[in-house]
Amino acid sequence: MSYAGAADTGPCEGRQASPSNPIAAGCARTKEPLTETFVFRCTAAEKAQLRAKAEAAGLPAATLLREALGLTAARRRKPIPRVDPALVLAVGRIGGNLNQIARWLNRAMRTDRTDPDALTVAGRLLTIERQLAQIVEAARRC
């Protein structure tokens, strides 16, 4: 039996399943394979301009051209921000340390609820969380 006794077990309200769930029920569109190529001559400046427009749109040049011809619908996604790999590594390490602290804190709280060290750590983690929330909010305004 499905949720709320519904007879239909397909996607909600007649919508198609998300792309991350390709085997769900719904009308599956068959995509025609891209087997042909089209080559045209242009100047180096025109080629650079086309590539710059495609990069600014966050699309491959071929997709940008298909959109210009009306062959595909424009699917604008937010471009992935370019981040320093060292920063990503540092944030990952901080996350790992926070997980270890959280495990220790959970264990300490389960065994002895009056442990003053656990309360101090919990208070400091709360302070860190508030500071991070302020940083994130400030970054969103930029």
Protein backbone atom coordinates (compact mmCIF):
# COMPACT_ATOMS: atom_id res chain seq x y z
CA MET A 1 0.00 0.00 0.00
CA SER A 2 1.35 3.43 -0.87
CA TYR A 3 1.49 6.55 1.24
CA ALA A 4 -1.93 7.82 2.38
CA GLY A 5 -3.65 4.97 0.57
CA ALA A 6 -2.98 6.42 -2.88
CA ALA A 7 -3.47 3.94 -5.68
CA ASP A 8 -0.81 5.56 -7.87
CA THR A 9 2.74 4.79 -6.78
CA GLY A 10 4.35 6.98 -9.47
CA PRO A 11 5.78 10.48 -9.08
CA CYS A 12 3.73 13.07 -7.20
CA GLU A 13 1.08 15.07 -9.02
CA GLY A 14 1.95 13.64 -12.41
CA ARG A 15 5.48 15.03 -12.41
CA GLN A 16 8.41 13.10 -13.74
CA ALA A 17 10.93 11.56 -11.42
CA SER A 18 14.05 13.53 -10.68
CA PRO A 19 17.17 12.89 -12.80
CA SER A 20 18.80 11.29 -9.77
CA ASN A 21 16.02 8.66 -9.79
CA PRO A 22 16.01 7.45 -13.41
CA ILE A 23 14.15 4.18 -12.80
CA ALA A 24 11.06 5.76 -11.26
CA ALA A 25 7.74 5.67 -13.05
CA GLY A 26 6.84 8.39 -15.51
CA CYS A 27 7.22 9.19 -19.15
CA ALA A 28 10.80 8.49 -20.04
CA ARG A 29 12.07 10.71 -22.83
CA THR A 30 14.33 9.05 -25.30
CA LYS A 31 17.24 11.28 -26.11
CA GLU A 32 18.52 11.13 -29.64
CA PRO A 33 22.27 10.47 -29.68
CA LEU A 34 24.50 13.27 -30.93
CA THR A 35 26.37 11.56 -33.74
CA GLU A 36 26.90 14.36 -36.28
CA THR A 37 29.42 17.21 -36.26
CA PHE A 38 29.26 20.60 -37.90
CA VAL A 39 32.45 22.57 -38.54
CA PHE A 40 32.56 26.21 -39.55
CA ARG A 41 35.33 28.70 -40.07
CA CYS A 42 35.66 31.77 -37.90
CA THR A 43 38.33 34.19 -36.80
CA ALA A 44 40.39 33.64 -33.69
CA ALA A 45 38.57 36.57 -32.07
CA GLU A 46 35.15 35.06 -32.87
CA LYS A 47 36.23 31.71 -31.46
CA ALA A 48 37.51 33.36 -28.29
CA GLN A 49 34.28 35.34 -27.98
CA LEU A 50 32.18 32.18 -28.36
CA ARG A 51 34.22 30.35 -25.74
CA ALA A 52 34.04 33.33 -23.37
CA LYS A 53 30.24 33.50 -23.69
CA ALA A 54 29.95 29.76 -23.11
CA GLU A 55 32.21 29.91 -20.05
CA ALA A 56 30.30 32.90 -18.66
CA ALA A 57 27.06 30.94 -19.08
CA GLY A 58 28.65 27.89 -17.49
CA LEU A 59 27.95 25.78 -20.57
CA PRO A 60 29.90 23.96 -23.23
CA ALA A 61 30.10 25.90 -26.51
CA ALA A 62 28.03 23.21 -28.28
CA THR A 63 25.18 23.60 -25.80
CA LEU A 64 25.29 27.38 -26.17
CA LEU A 65 24.98 27.01 -29.96
CA ARG A 66 22.10 24.52 -29.62
CA GLU A 67 20.29 26.99 -27.36
CA ALA A 68 20.85 29.78 -29.87
CA LEU A 69 19.20 27.62 -32.54
CA GLY A 70 16.32 26.79 -30.23
CA LEU A 71 17.16 23.09 -30.25
CA THR A 72 17.42 22.81 -26.48
CA ALA A 73 15.79 24.59 -23.59
CA ALA A 74 18.03 26.87 -21.60
CA ARG A 75 18.97 25.16 -18.35
CA ARG A 76 20.83 27.74 -16.37
CA ARG A 77 22.52 26.40 -13.31
CA LYS A 78 24.45 28.42 -10.85
CA PRO A 79 28.12 28.08 -11.78
CA ILE A 80 30.21 26.19 -9.29
CA PRO A 81 32.30 28.75 -7.42
CA ARG A 82 36.02 28.37 -7.86
CA VAL A 83 37.60 27.71 -4.48
CA ASP A 84 41.19 27.32 -3.44
CA PRO A 85 41.87 23.56 -2.98
CA ALA A 86 43.88 24.29 0.17
CA LEU A 87 40.80 25.95 1.67
CA VAL A 88 38.65 22.92 0.84
CA LEU A 89 41.24 20.65 2.46
CA ALA A 90 41.37 22.83 5.59
CA VAL A 91 37.58 22.90 5.90
CA GLY A 92 37.52 19.11 5.54
CA ARG A 93 40.06 18.73 8.33
CA ILE A 94 38.06 21.07 10.56
CA GLY A 95 34.94 19.02 9.84
CA GLY A 96 36.76 15.84 10.82
CA ASN A 97 37.93 17.41 14.06
CA LEU A 98 34.40 18.61 14.83
CA ASN A 99 33.07 15.10 14.27
CA GLN A 100 35.60 13.70 16.74
CA ILE A 101 34.67 16.36 19.29
CA ALA A 102 30.95 15.67 18.80
CA ARG A 103 31.49 11.92 19.32
CA TRP A 104 33.46 12.57 22.51
CA LEU A 105 30.80 15.00 23.71
CA ASN A 106 27.96 12.56 23.00
CA ARG A 107 29.81 9.78 24.82
CA ALA A 108 30.53 12.05 27.79
CA MET A 109 26.92 13.19 27.98
CA ARG A 110 25.67 9.56 27.90
CA THR A 111 27.98 8.38 30.66
CA ASP A 112 28.03 11.35 33.05
CA ARG A 113 25.67 14.28 32.57
CA THR A 114 27.46 16.42 35.16
CA ASP A 115 30.91 16.39 33.51
CA PRO A 116 32.08 20.04 33.58
CA ASP A 117 34.48 19.46 30.67
CA ALA A 118 31.61 18.28 28.47
CA LEU A 119 29.58 21.37 29.32
CA THR A 120 32.54 23.64 28.57
CA VAL A 121 33.12 21.94 25.20
CA ALA A 122 29.41 22.16 24.35
CA GLY A 123 29.41 25.87 25.17
CA ARG A 124 32.45 26.52 23.01
CA LEU A 125 30.97 24.55 20.11
CA LEU A 126 27.84 26.67 20.37
CA THR A 127 29.99 29.81 20.19
CA ILE A 128 31.78 28.46 17.09
CA GLU A 129 28.45 27.64 15.47
CA ARG A 130 27.17 31.18 16.04
CA GLN A 131 30.37 32.70 14.65
CA LEU A 132 30.17 30.49 11.55
CA ALA A 133 26.54 31.51 11.04
CA GLN A 134 27.61 35.18 11.13
CA ILE A 135 30.38 34.52 8.59
CA VAL A 136 28.01 32.69 6.27
CA GLU A 137 25.43 35.47 6.51
CA ALA A 138 28.08 38.10 5.75
CA ALA A 139 29.26 36.08 2.73
CA ARG A 140 25.70 35.83 1.39
CA ARG A 141 25.36 39.60 1.44
CA CYS A 142 28.48 40.00 -0.75
